Amino acid sequence: MTMLREKAADIDVSQADFMAIQFNIKDRDPGVFYIEIKDHRISIEPYEYNDRQCAITMKMDNFVKLINGKLDAVAAYTLGKLKVDGDIGKALEFSKLIKK
């Protein structure tokens, strides 16, 4: 969580709309956390988000590659390394934010 919060501090969410995305990391216990963008601030918490817009499920090594820019979200989805449950548009919007 510390590494993720440090990365999040560098993400410009000043133009982002509300976003609530839960991540399910398959090979970690506990492997659930959420990222919420609200009022141009980003929050990361180690809980399930019941009113999420989408849930992204993947393995930890692929998640680390994703946030470090070494794995493209669309390619990961196409290759089955990333599963989206819910609003895929919000997942794409999030992937664009972390690329910047």
PDB file of N, CA and C in Angstrom:
ATOM      1  N   MET A   1       0.819  -1.195   0.000  1.00  0.00           N
ATOM      2  CA  MET A   1       0.000   0.000   0.000  1.00  0.00           C
ATOM      3  C   MET A   1       0.861   1.257   0.000  1.00  0.00           C
ATOM      4  N   THR A   2       1.979   1.218   0.668  1.00  0.00           N
ATOM      5  CA  THR A   2       2.843   2.387   0.736  1.00  0.00           C
ATOM      6  C   THR A   2       3.337   2.779  -0.650  1.00  0.00           C
ATOM      7  N   MET A   3       3.801   1.780  -1.416  1.00  0.00           N
ATOM      8  CA  MET A   3       4.293   2.054  -2.766  1.00  0.00           C
ATOM      9  C   MET A   3       3.168   2.640  -3.622  1.00  0.00           C
ATOM     10  N   LEU A   4       1.985   2.096  -3.492  1.00  0.00           N
ATOM     11  CA  LEU A   4       0.853   2.571  -4.275  1.00  0.00           C
ATOM     12  C   LEU A   4       0.473   3.996  -3.902  1.00  0.00           C
ATOM     13  N   ARG A   5       0.485   4.307  -2.626  1.00  0.00           N
ATOM     14  CA  ARG A   5       0.162   5.675  -2.199  1.00  0.00           C
ATOM     15  C   ARG A   5       1.217   6.665  -2.686  1.00  0.00           C
ATOM     16  N   GLU A   6       2.486   6.243  -2.708  1.00  0.00           N
ATOM     17  CA  GLU A   6       3.541   7.114  -3.230  1.00  0.00           C
ATOM     18  C   GLU A   6       3.336   7.376  -4.715  1.00  0.00           C
ATOM     19  N   LYS A   7       2.998   6.335  -5.467  1.00  0.00           N
ATOM     20  CA  LYS A   7       2.721   6.491  -6.896  1.00  0.00           C
ATOM     21  C   LYS A   7       1.512   7.399  -7.110  1.00  0.00           C
ATOM     22  N   ALA A   8       0.484   7.226  -6.282  1.00  0.00           N
ATOM     23  CA  ALA A   8      -0.748   8.003  -6.411  1.00  0.00           C
ATOM     24  C   ALA A   8      -0.496   9.488  -6.207  1.00  0.00           C
ATOM     25  N   ALA A   9       0.467   9.821  -5.376  1.00  0.00           N
ATOM     26  CA  ALA A   9       0.779  11.227  -5.116  1.00  0.00           C
ATOM     27  C   ALA A   9       1.238  11.940  -6.388  1.00  0.00           C
ATOM     28  N   ASP A  10       1.757  11.189  -7.357  1.00  0.00           N
ATOM     29  CA  ASP A  10       2.247  11.766  -8.610  1.00  0.00           C
ATOM     30  C   ASP A  10       1.189  11.823  -9.708  1.00  0.00           C
ATOM     31  N   ILE A  11       0.009  11.254  -9.463  1.00  0.00           N
ATOM     32  CA  ILE A  11      -1.037  11.227 -10.478  1.00  0.00           C
ATOM     33  C   ILE A  11      -1.836  12.521 -10.424  1.00  0.00           C
ATOM     34  N   ASP A  12      -1.976  13.163 -11.559  1.00  0.00           N
ATOM     35  CA  ASP A  12      -2.751  14.403 -11.651  1.00  0.00           C
ATOM     36  C   ASP A  12      -4.227  14.048 -11.827  1.00  0.00           C
ATOM     37  N   VAL A  13      -5.011  14.265 -10.784  1.00  0.00           N
ATOM     38  CA  VAL A  13      -6.449  13.970 -10.835  1.00  0.00           C
ATOM     39  C   VAL A  13      -7.276  15.250 -10.850  1.00  0.00           C
ATOM     40  N   SER A  14      -6.638  16.375 -11.153  1.00  0.00           N
ATOM     41  CA  SER A  14      -7.327  17.663 -11.122  1.00  0.00           C
ATOM     42  C   SER A  14      -8.465  17.742 -12.144  1.00  0.00           C
ATOM     43  N   GLN A  15      -8.372  17.011 -13.226  1.00  0.00           N
ATOM     44  CA  GLN A  15      -9.408  17.024 -14.257  1.00  0.00           C
ATOM     45  C   GLN A  15     -10.269  15.756 -14.246  1.00  0.00           C
ATOM     46  N   ALA A  16     -10.029  14.863 -13.317  1.00  0.00           N
ATOM     47  CA  ALA A  16     -10.747  13.585 -13.287  1.00  0.00           C
ATOM     48  C   ALA A  16     -12.098  13.716 -12.603  1.00  0.00           C
ATOM     49  N   ASP A  17     -13.056  13.002 -13.150  1.00  0.00           N
ATOM     50  CA  ASP A  17     -14.371  12.916 -12.529  1.00  0.00           C
ATOM     51  C   ASP A  17     -14.312  11.895 -11.396  1.00  0.00           C
ATOM     52  N   PHE A  18     -15.429  11.760 -10.699  1.00  0.00           N
ATOM     53  CA  PHE A  18     -15.509  10.762  -9.631  1.00  0.00           C
ATOM     54  C   PHE A  18     -15.219   9.377 -10.199  1.00  0.00           C
ATOM     55  N   MET A  19     -14.447   8.610  -9.441  1.00  0.00           N
ATOM     56  CA  MET A  19     -14.087   7.264  -9.851  1.00  0.00           C
ATOM     57  C   MET A  19     -13.917   6.401  -8.606  1.00  0.00           C
ATOM     58  N   ALA A  20     -14.489   5.223  -8.622  1.00  0.00           N
ATOM     59  CA  ALA A  20     -14.356   4.281  -7.514  1.00  0.00           C
ATOM     60  C   ALA A  20     -14.067   2.907  -8.106  1.00  0.00           C
ATOM     61  N   ILE A  21     -12.826   2.469  -7.957  1.00  0.00           N
ATOM     62  CA  ILE A  21     -12.392   1.214  -8.553  1.00  0.00           C
ATOM     63  C   ILE A  21     -11.832   0.313  -7.460  1.00  0.00           C
ATOM     64  N   GLN A  22     -12.354  -0.892  -7.415  1.00  0.00           N
ATOM     65  CA  GLN A  22     -11.837  -1.882  -6.473  1.00  0.00           C
ATOM     66  C   GLN A  22     -10.854  -2.778  -7.211  1.00  0.00           C
ATOM     67  N   PHE A  23      -9.769  -3.109  -6.559  1.00  0.00           N
ATOM     68  CA  PHE A  23      -8.795  -4.045  -7.105  1.00  0.00           C
ATOM     69  C   PHE A  23      -8.824  -5.321  -6.289  1.00  0.00           C
ATOM     70  N   ASN A  24      -8.890  -6.434  -6.988  1.00  0.00           N
ATOM     71  CA  ASN A  24      -8.830  -7.752  -6.369  1.00  0.00           C
ATOM     72  C   ASN A  24      -7.543  -8.402  -6.860  1.00  0.00           C
ATOM     73  N   ILE A  25      -6.602  -8.553  -5.958  1.00  0.00           N
ATOM     74  CA  ILE A  25      -5.322  -9.163  -6.303  1.00  0.00           C
ATOM     75  C   ILE A  25      -5.429 -10.647  -5.953  1.00  0.00           C
ATOM     76  N   LYS A  26      -5.398 -11.493  -6.975  1.00  0.00           N
ATOM     77  CA  LYS A  26      -5.700 -12.915  -6.809  1.00  0.00           C
ATOM     78  C   LYS A  26      -4.712 -13.674  -5.937  1.00  0.00           C
ATOM     79  N   ASP A  27      -3.459 -13.291  -5.958  1.00  0.00           N
ATOM     80  CA  ASP A  27      -2.453 -14.093  -5.258  1.00  0.00           C
ATOM     81  C   ASP A  27      -1.940 -13.426  -3.975  1.00  0.00           C
ATOM     82  N   ARG A  28      -2.750 -12.605  -3.343  1.00  0.00           N
ATOM     83  CA  ARG A  28      -2.408 -11.962  -2.068  1.00  0.00           C
ATOM     84  C   ARG A  28      -3.561 -12.129  -1.098  1.00  0.00           C
ATOM     85  N   ASP A  29      -3.246 -12.212   0.175  1.00  0.00           N
ATOM     86  CA  ASP A  29      -4.278 -12.304   1.202  1.00  0.00           C
ATOM     87  C   ASP A  29      -3.924 -11.344   2.319  1.00  0.00           C
ATOM     88  N   PRO A  30      -4.649 -10.309   2.592  1.00  0.00           N
ATOM     89  CA  PRO A  30      -5.832  -9.905   1.825  1.00  0.00           C
ATOM     90  C   PRO A  30      -5.409  -9.248   0.531  1.00  0.00           C
ATOM     91  N   GLY A  31      -6.216  -9.396  -0.466  1.00  0.00           N
ATOM     92  CA  GLY A  31      -5.861  -8.873  -1.776  1.00  0.00           C
ATOM     93  C   GLY A  31      -6.881  -7.902  -2.322  1.00  0.00           C
ATOM     94  N   VAL A  32      -7.565  -7.196  -1.436  1.00  0.00           N
ATOM     95  CA  VAL A  32      -8.605  -6.268  -1.880  1.00  0.00           C
ATOM     96  C   VAL A  32      -8.273  -4.862  -1.395  1.00  0.00           C
ATOM     97  N   PHE A  33      -8.385  -3.901  -2.291  1.00  0.00           N
ATOM     98  CA  PHE A  33      -8.277  -2.496  -1.921  1.00  0.00           C
ATOM     99  C   PHE A  33      -9.017  -1.681  -2.970  1.00  0.00           C
ATOM    100  N   TYR A  34      -9.248  -0.430  -2.660  1.00  0.00           N
ATOM    101  CA  TYR A  34      -9.908   0.413  -3.645  1.00  0.00           C
ATOM    102  C   TYR A  34      -9.186   1.728  -3.808  1.00  0.00           C
ATOM    103  N   ILE A  35      -9.415   2.302  -4.970  1.00  0.00           N
ATOM    104  CA  ILE A  35      -8.909   3.626  -5.296  1.00  0.00           C
ATOM    105  C   ILE A  35     -10.130   4.481  -5.609  1.00  0.00           C
ATOM    106  N   GLU A  36     -10.224   5.601  -4.926  1.00  0.00           N
ATOM    107  CA  GLU A  36     -11.340   6.516  -5.144  1.00  0.00           C
ATOM    108  C   GLU A  36     -10.796   7.886  -5.504  1.00  0.00           C
ATOM    109  N   ILE A  37     -11.343   8.467  -6.558  1.00  0.00           N
ATOM    110  CA  ILE A  37     -11.033   9.844  -6.922  1.00  0.00           C
ATOM    111  C   ILE A  37     -12.309  10.629  -6.696  1.00  0.00           C
ATOM    112  N   LYS A  38     -12.208  11.601  -5.815  1.00  0.00           N
ATOM    113  CA  LYS A  38     -13.378  12.399  -5.454  1.00  0.00           C
ATOM    114  C   LYS A  38     -12.891  13.789  -5.073  1.00  0.00           C
ATOM    115  N   ASP A  39     -13.571  14.810  -5.573  1.00  0.00           N
ATOM    116  CA  ASP A  39     -13.206  16.195  -5.291  1.00  0.00           C
ATOM    117  C   ASP A  39     -11.740  16.475  -5.627  1.00  0.00           C
ATOM    118  N   HIS A  40     -11.270  15.870  -6.731  1.00  0.00           N
ATOM    119  CA  HIS A  40      -9.903  16.070  -7.248  1.00  0.00           C
ATOM    120  C   HIS A  40      -8.831  15.580  -6.276  1.00  0.00           C
ATOM    121  N   ARG A  41      -9.184  14.607  -5.459  1.00  0.00           N
ATOM    122  CA  ARG A  41      -8.220  13.967  -4.544  1.00  0.00           C
ATOM    123  C   ARG A  41      -8.304  12.464  -4.746  1.00  0.00           C
ATOM    124  N   ILE A  42      -7.193  11.783  -4.538  1.00  0.00           N
ATOM    125  CA  ILE A  42      -7.155  10.335  -4.699  1.00  0.00           C
ATOM    126  C   ILE A  42      -6.961   9.691  -3.334  1.00  0.00           C
ATOM    127  N   SER A  43      -7.754   8.667  -3.067  1.00  0.00           N
ATOM    128  CA  SER A  43      -7.659   7.921  -1.814  1.00  0.00           C
ATOM    129  C   SER A  43      -7.475   6.449  -2.136  1.00  0.00           C
ATOM    130  N   ILE A  44      -6.663   5.788  -1.348  1.00  0.00           N
ATOM    131  CA  ILE A  44      -6.434   4.354  -1.505  1.00  0.00           C
ATOM    132  C   ILE A  44      -6.621   3.717  -0.145  1.00  0.00           C
ATOM    133  N   GLU A  45      -7.541   2.768  -0.076  1.00  0.00           N
ATOM    134  CA  GLU A  45      -7.864   2.136   1.200  1.00  0.00           C
ATOM    135  C   GLU A  45      -7.930   0.621   1.044  1.00  0.00           C
ATOM    136  N   PRO A  46      -7.536  -0.106   2.093  1.00  0.00           N
ATOM    137  CA  PRO A  46      -7.496  -1.574   2.013  1.00  0.00           C
ATOM    138  C   PRO A  46      -8.836  -2.238   2.347  1.00  0.00           C
ATOM    139  N   TYR A  47      -9.883  -1.823   1.669  1.00  0.00           N
ATOM    140  CA  TYR A  47     -11.212  -2.365   1.923  1.00  0.00           C
ATOM    141  C   TYR A  47     -11.935  -2.621   0.616  1.00  0.00           C
ATOM    142  N   GLU A  48     -13.043  -3.360   0.707  1.00  0.00           N
ATOM    143  CA  GLU A  48     -13.938  -3.494  -0.441  1.00  0.00           C
ATOM    144  C   GLU A  48     -14.738  -2.204  -0.563  1.00  0.00           C
ATOM    145  N   TYR A  49     -15.122  -1.871  -1.762  1.00  0.00           N
ATOM    146  CA  TYR A  49     -15.905  -0.666  -2.029  1.00  0.00           C
ATOM    147  C   TYR A  49     -17.226  -1.140  -2.609  1.00  0.00           C
ATOM    148  N   ASN A  50     -18.263  -1.109  -1.794  1.00  0.00           N
ATOM    149  CA  ASN A  50     -19.543  -1.677  -2.200  1.00  0.00           C
ATOM    150  C   ASN A  50     -20.207  -0.937  -3.355  1.00  0.00           C
ATOM    151  N   ASP A  51     -20.013   0.364  -3.463  1.00  0.00           N
ATOM    152  CA  ASP A  51     -20.631   1.150  -4.529  1.00  0.00           C
ATOM    153  C   ASP A  51     -19.646   1.453  -5.648  1.00  0.00           C
ATOM    154  N   ARG A  52     -18.734   0.558  -5.884  1.00  0.00           N
ATOM    155  CA  ARG A  52     -17.704   0.762  -6.909  1.00  0.00           C
ATOM    156  C   ARG A  52     -18.321   0.802  -8.303  1.00  0.00           C
ATOM    157  N   GLN A  53     -17.593   1.457  -9.185  1.00  0.00           N
ATOM    158  CA  GLN A  53     -18.020   1.509 -10.577  1.00  0.00           C
ATOM    159  C   GLN A  53     -17.508   0.310 -11.355  1.00  0.00           C
ATOM    160  N   CYS A  54     -16.370  -0.211 -10.920  1.00  0.00           N
ATOM    161  CA  CYS A  54     -15.862  -1.439 -11.519  1.00  0.00           C
ATOM    162  C   CYS A  54     -14.883  -2.104 -10.554  1.00  0.00           C
ATOM    163  N   ALA A  55     -14.653  -3.366 -10.805  1.00  0.00           N
ATOM    164  CA  ALA A  55     -13.652  -4.119 -10.043  1.00  0.00           C
ATOM    165  C   ALA A  55     -12.672  -4.703 -11.060  1.00  0.00           C
ATOM    166  N   ILE A  56     -11.400  -4.574 -10.747  1.00  0.00           N
ATOM    167  CA  ILE A  56     -10.345  -5.096 -11.609  1.00  0.00           C
ATOM    168  C   ILE A  56      -9.657  -6.224 -10.851  1.00  0.00           C
ATOM    169  N   THR A  57      -9.572  -7.370 -11.491  1.00  0.00           N
ATOM    170  CA  THR A  57      -8.949  -8.537 -10.876  1.00  0.00           C
ATOM    171  C   THR A  57      -7.708  -8.910 -11.673  1.00  0.00           C
ATOM    172  N   MET A  58      -6.603  -9.087 -10.953  1.00  0.00           N
ATOM    173  CA  MET A  58      -5.348  -9.469 -11.595  1.00  0.00           C
ATOM    174  C   MET A  58      -4.363  -9.990 -10.556  1.00  0.00           C
ATOM    175  N   LYS A  59      -3.250 -10.535 -11.010  1.00  0.00           N
ATOM    176  CA  LYS A  59      -2.189 -10.998 -10.113  1.00  0.00           C
ATOM    177  C   LYS A  59      -1.311  -9.812  -9.721  1.00  0.00           C
ATOM    178  N   MET A  60      -0.650  -9.947  -8.576  1.00  0.00           N
ATOM    179  CA  MET A  60       0.173  -8.864  -8.031  1.00  0.00           C
ATOM    180  C   MET A  60       1.297  -8.453  -8.970  1.00  0.00           C
ATOM    181  N   ASP A  61       1.991  -9.398  -9.580  1.00  0.00           N
ATOM    182  CA  ASP A  61       3.102  -9.015 -10.461  1.00  0.00           C
ATOM    183  C   ASP A  61       2.599  -8.208 -11.660  1.00  0.00           C
ATOM    184  N   ASN A  62       1.442  -8.559 -12.186  1.00  0.00           N
ATOM    185  CA  ASN A  62       0.873  -7.780 -13.293  1.00  0.00           C
ATOM    186  C   ASN A  62       0.402  -6.415 -12.826  1.00  0.00           C
ATOM    187  N   PHE A  63      -0.124  -6.323 -11.606  1.00  0.00           N
ATOM    188  CA  PHE A  63      -0.538  -5.029 -11.074  1.00  0.00           C
ATOM    189  C   PHE A  63       0.659  -4.097 -10.922  1.00  0.00           C
ATOM    190  N   VAL A  64       1.759  -4.619 -10.408  1.00  0.00           N
ATOM    191  CA  VAL A  64       2.974  -3.814 -10.247  1.00  0.00           C
ATOM    192  C   VAL A  64       3.468  -3.335 -11.616  1.00  0.00           C
ATOM    193  N   LYS A  65       3.443  -4.210 -12.602  1.00  0.00           N
ATOM    194  CA  LYS A  65       3.833  -3.804 -13.960  1.00  0.00           C
ATOM    195  C   LYS A  65       2.897  -2.722 -14.493  1.00  0.00           C
ATOM    196  N   LEU A  66       1.615  -2.859 -14.222  1.00  0.00           N
ATOM    197  CA  LEU A  66       0.636  -1.888 -14.685  1.00  0.00           C
ATOM    198  C   LEU A  66       0.910  -0.504 -14.106  1.00  0.00           C
ATOM    199  N   ILE A  67       1.080  -0.411 -12.800  1.00  0.00           N
ATOM    200  CA  ILE A  67       1.278   0.907 -12.196  1.00  0.00           C
ATOM    201  C   ILE A  67       2.657   1.484 -12.471  1.00  0.00           C
ATOM    202  N   ASN A  68       3.601   0.634 -12.854  1.00  0.00           N
ATOM    203  CA  ASN A  68       4.932   1.125 -13.216  1.00  0.00           C
ATOM    204  C   ASN A  68       5.068   1.415 -14.706  1.00  0.00           C
ATOM    205  N   GLY A  69       3.957   1.256 -15.446  1.00  0.00           N
ATOM    206  CA  GLY A  69       3.977   1.565 -16.870  1.00  0.00           C
ATOM    207  C   GLY A  69       4.605   0.508 -17.743  1.00  0.00           C
ATOM    208  N   LYS A  70       4.798  -0.691 -17.221  1.00  0.00           N
ATOM    209  CA  LYS A  70       5.428  -1.754 -17.992  1.00  0.00           C
ATOM    210  C   LYS A  70       4.412  -2.737 -18.572  1.00  0.00           C
ATOM    211  N   LEU A  71       3.126  -2.514 -18.273  1.00  0.00           N
ATOM    212  CA  LEU A  71       2.060  -3.350 -18.809  1.00  0.00           C
ATOM    213  C   LEU A  71       0.909  -2.430 -19.208  1.00  0.00           C
ATOM    214  N   ASP A  72       0.534  -2.505 -20.463  1.00  0.00           N
ATOM    215  CA  ASP A  72      -0.583  -1.705 -20.971  1.00  0.00           C
ATOM    216  C   ASP A  72      -1.894  -2.360 -20.540  1.00  0.00           C
ATOM    217  N   ALA A  73      -2.821  -1.559 -20.025  1.00  0.00           N
ATOM    218  CA  ALA A  73      -4.084  -2.085 -19.505  1.00  0.00           C
ATOM    219  C   ALA A  73      -4.907  -2.777 -20.588  1.00  0.00           C
ATOM    220  N   VAL A  74      -4.966  -2.200 -21.769  1.00  0.00           N
ATOM    221  CA  VAL A  74      -5.743  -2.804 -22.861  1.00  0.00           C
ATOM    222  C   VAL A  74      -5.125  -4.132 -23.284  1.00  0.00           C
ATOM    223  N   ALA A  75      -3.807  -4.163 -23.393  1.00  0.00           N
ATOM    224  CA  ALA A  75      -3.126  -5.414 -23.746  1.00  0.00           C
ATOM    225  C   ALA A  75      -3.339  -6.464 -22.654  1.00  0.00           C
ATOM    226  N   ALA A  76      -3.252  -6.050 -21.395  1.00  0.00           N
ATOM    227  CA  ALA A  76      -3.463  -6.982 -20.287  1.00  0.00           C
ATOM    228  C   ALA A  76      -4.875  -7.555 -20.319  1.00  0.00           C
ATOM    229  N   TYR A  77      -5.855  -6.707 -20.615  1.00  0.00           N
ATOM    230  CA  TYR A  77      -7.244  -7.158 -20.716  1.00  0.00           C
ATOM    231  C   TYR A  77      -7.399  -8.152 -21.871  1.00  0.00           C
ATOM    232  N   THR A  78      -6.820  -7.805 -23.008  1.00  0.00           N
ATOM    233  CA  THR A  78      -6.905  -8.651 -24.198  1.00  0.00           C
ATOM    234  C   THR A  78      -6.251 -10.011 -23.967  1.00  0.00           C
ATOM    235  N   LEU A  79      -5.147 -10.021 -23.238  1.00  0.00           N
ATOM    236  CA  LEU A  79      -4.416 -11.261 -22.972  1.00  0.00           C
ATOM    237  C   LEU A  79      -4.959 -12.043 -21.775  1.00  0.00           C
ATOM    238  N   GLY A  80      -5.983 -11.514 -21.119  1.00  0.00           N
ATOM    239  CA  GLY A  80      -6.571 -12.207 -19.975  1.00  0.00           C
ATOM    240  C   GLY A  80      -5.800 -12.035 -18.681  1.00  0.00           C
ATOM    241  N   LYS A  81      -4.878 -11.083 -18.633  1.00  0.00           N
ATOM    242  CA  LYS A  81      -4.107 -10.825 -17.408  1.00  0.00           C
ATOM    243  C   LYS A  81      -4.846  -9.882 -16.477  1.00  0.00           C
ATOM    244  N   LEU A  82      -5.933  -9.302 -16.967  1.00  0.00           N
ATOM    245  CA  LEU A  82      -6.709  -8.328 -16.221  1.00  0.00           C
ATOM    246  C   LEU A  82      -8.179  -8.562 -16.554  1.00  0.00           C
ATOM    247  N   LYS A  83      -9.001  -8.682 -15.520  1.00  0.00           N
ATOM    248  CA  LYS A  83     -10.438  -8.880 -15.719  1.00  0.00           C
ATOM    249  C   LYS A  83     -11.166  -7.676 -15.144  1.00  0.00           C
ATOM    250  N   VAL A  84     -12.163  -7.166 -15.867  1.00  0.00           N
ATOM    251  CA  VAL A  84     -12.944  -6.030 -15.404  1.00  0.00           C
ATOM    252  C   VAL A  84     -14.385  -6.467 -15.203  1.00  0.00           C
ATOM    253  N   ASP A  85     -14.904  -6.170 -14.021  1.00  0.00           N
ATOM    254  CA  ASP A  85     -16.301  -6.427 -13.718  1.00  0.00           C
ATOM    255  C   ASP A  85     -16.951  -5.075 -13.456  1.00  0.00           C
ATOM    256  N   GLY A  86     -17.881  -4.670 -14.320  1.00  0.00           N
ATOM    257  CA  GLY A  86     -18.516  -3.365 -14.168  1.00  0.00           C
ATOM    258  C   GLY A  86     -18.192  -2.460 -15.343  1.00  0.00           C
ATOM    259  N   ASP A  87     -18.083  -1.174 -15.071  1.00  0.00           N
ATOM    260  CA  ASP A  87     -17.902  -0.142 -16.098  1.00  0.00           C
ATOM    261  C   ASP A  87     -16.483  -0.166 -16.652  1.00  0.00           C
ATOM    262  N   ILE A  88     -16.326  -0.778 -17.812  1.00  0.00           N
ATOM    263  CA  ILE A  88     -14.997  -0.872 -18.424  1.00  0.00           C
ATOM    264  C   ILE A  88     -14.468   0.505 -18.819  1.00  0.00           C
ATOM    265  N   GLY A  89     -15.365   1.453 -19.063  1.00  0.00           N
ATOM    266  CA  GLY A  89     -14.956   2.826 -19.382  1.00  0.00           C
ATOM    267  C   GLY A  89     -14.188   3.459 -18.232  1.00  0.00           C
ATOM    268  N   LYS A  90     -14.611   3.205 -16.998  1.00  0.00           N
ATOM    269  CA  LYS A  90     -13.900   3.742 -15.833  1.00  0.00           C
ATOM    270  C   LYS A  90     -12.531   3.084 -15.696  1.00  0.00           C
ATOM    271  N   ALA A  91     -12.439   1.805 -16.020  1.00  0.00           N
ATOM    272  CA  ALA A  91     -11.144   1.122 -15.980  1.00  0.00           C
ATOM    273  C   ALA A  91     -10.196   1.737 -17.005  1.00  0.00           C
ATOM    274  N   LEU A  92     -10.696   2.034 -18.189  1.00  0.00           N
ATOM    275  CA  LEU A  92      -9.872   2.677 -19.221  1.00  0.00           C
ATOM    276  C   LEU A  92      -9.468   4.091 -18.807  1.00  0.00           C
ATOM    277  N   GLU A  93     -10.404   4.808 -18.209  1.00  0.00           N
ATOM    278  CA  GLU A  93     -10.107   6.161 -17.730  1.00  0.00           C
ATOM    279  C   GLU A  93      -8.989   6.125 -16.681  1.00  0.00           C
ATOM    280  N   PHE A  94      -9.064   5.156 -15.775  1.00  0.00           N
ATOM    281  CA  PHE A  94      -8.032   5.008 -14.759  1.00  0.00           C
ATOM    282  C   PHE A  94      -6.682   4.669 -15.401  1.00  0.00           C
ATOM    283  N   SER A  95      -6.693   3.787 -16.391  1.00  0.00           N
ATOM    284  CA  SER A  95      -5.424   3.416 -17.032  1.00  0.00           C
ATOM    285  C   SER A  95      -4.776   4.610 -17.717  1.00  0.00           C
ATOM    286  N   LYS A  96      -5.592   5.525 -18.250  1.00  0.00           N
ATOM    287  CA  LYS A  96      -5.048   6.744 -18.857  1.00  0.00           C
ATOM    288  C   LYS A  96      -4.429   7.656 -17.791  1.00  0.00           C
ATOM    289  N   LEU A  97      -5.034   7.712 -16.616  1.00  0.00           N
ATOM    290  CA  LEU A  97      -4.483   8.536 -15.539  1.00  0.00           C
ATOM    291  C   LEU A  97      -3.116   8.063 -15.088  1.00  0.00           C
ATOM    292  N   ILE A  98      -2.953   6.753 -14.975  1.00  0.00           N
ATOM    293  CA  ILE A  98      -1.671   6.240 -14.472  1.00  0.00           C
ATOM    294  C   ILE A  98      -0.576   6.269 -15.529  1.00  0.00           C
ATOM    295  N   LYS A  99      -0.955   6.422 -16.808  1.00  0.00           N
ATOM    296  CA  LYS A  99       0.053   6.520 -17.872  1.00  0.00           C
ATOM    297  C   LYS A  99       0.746   7.872 -17.896  1.00  0.00           C
ATOM    298  N   LYS A 100       0.072   8.898 -17.398  1.00  0.00           N
ATOM    299  CA  LYS A 100       0.613  10.262 -17.467  1.00  0.00           C
ATOM    300  C   LYS A 100       1.788  10.456 -16.565  1.00  0.00           C
TER     301      LYS A 100
END
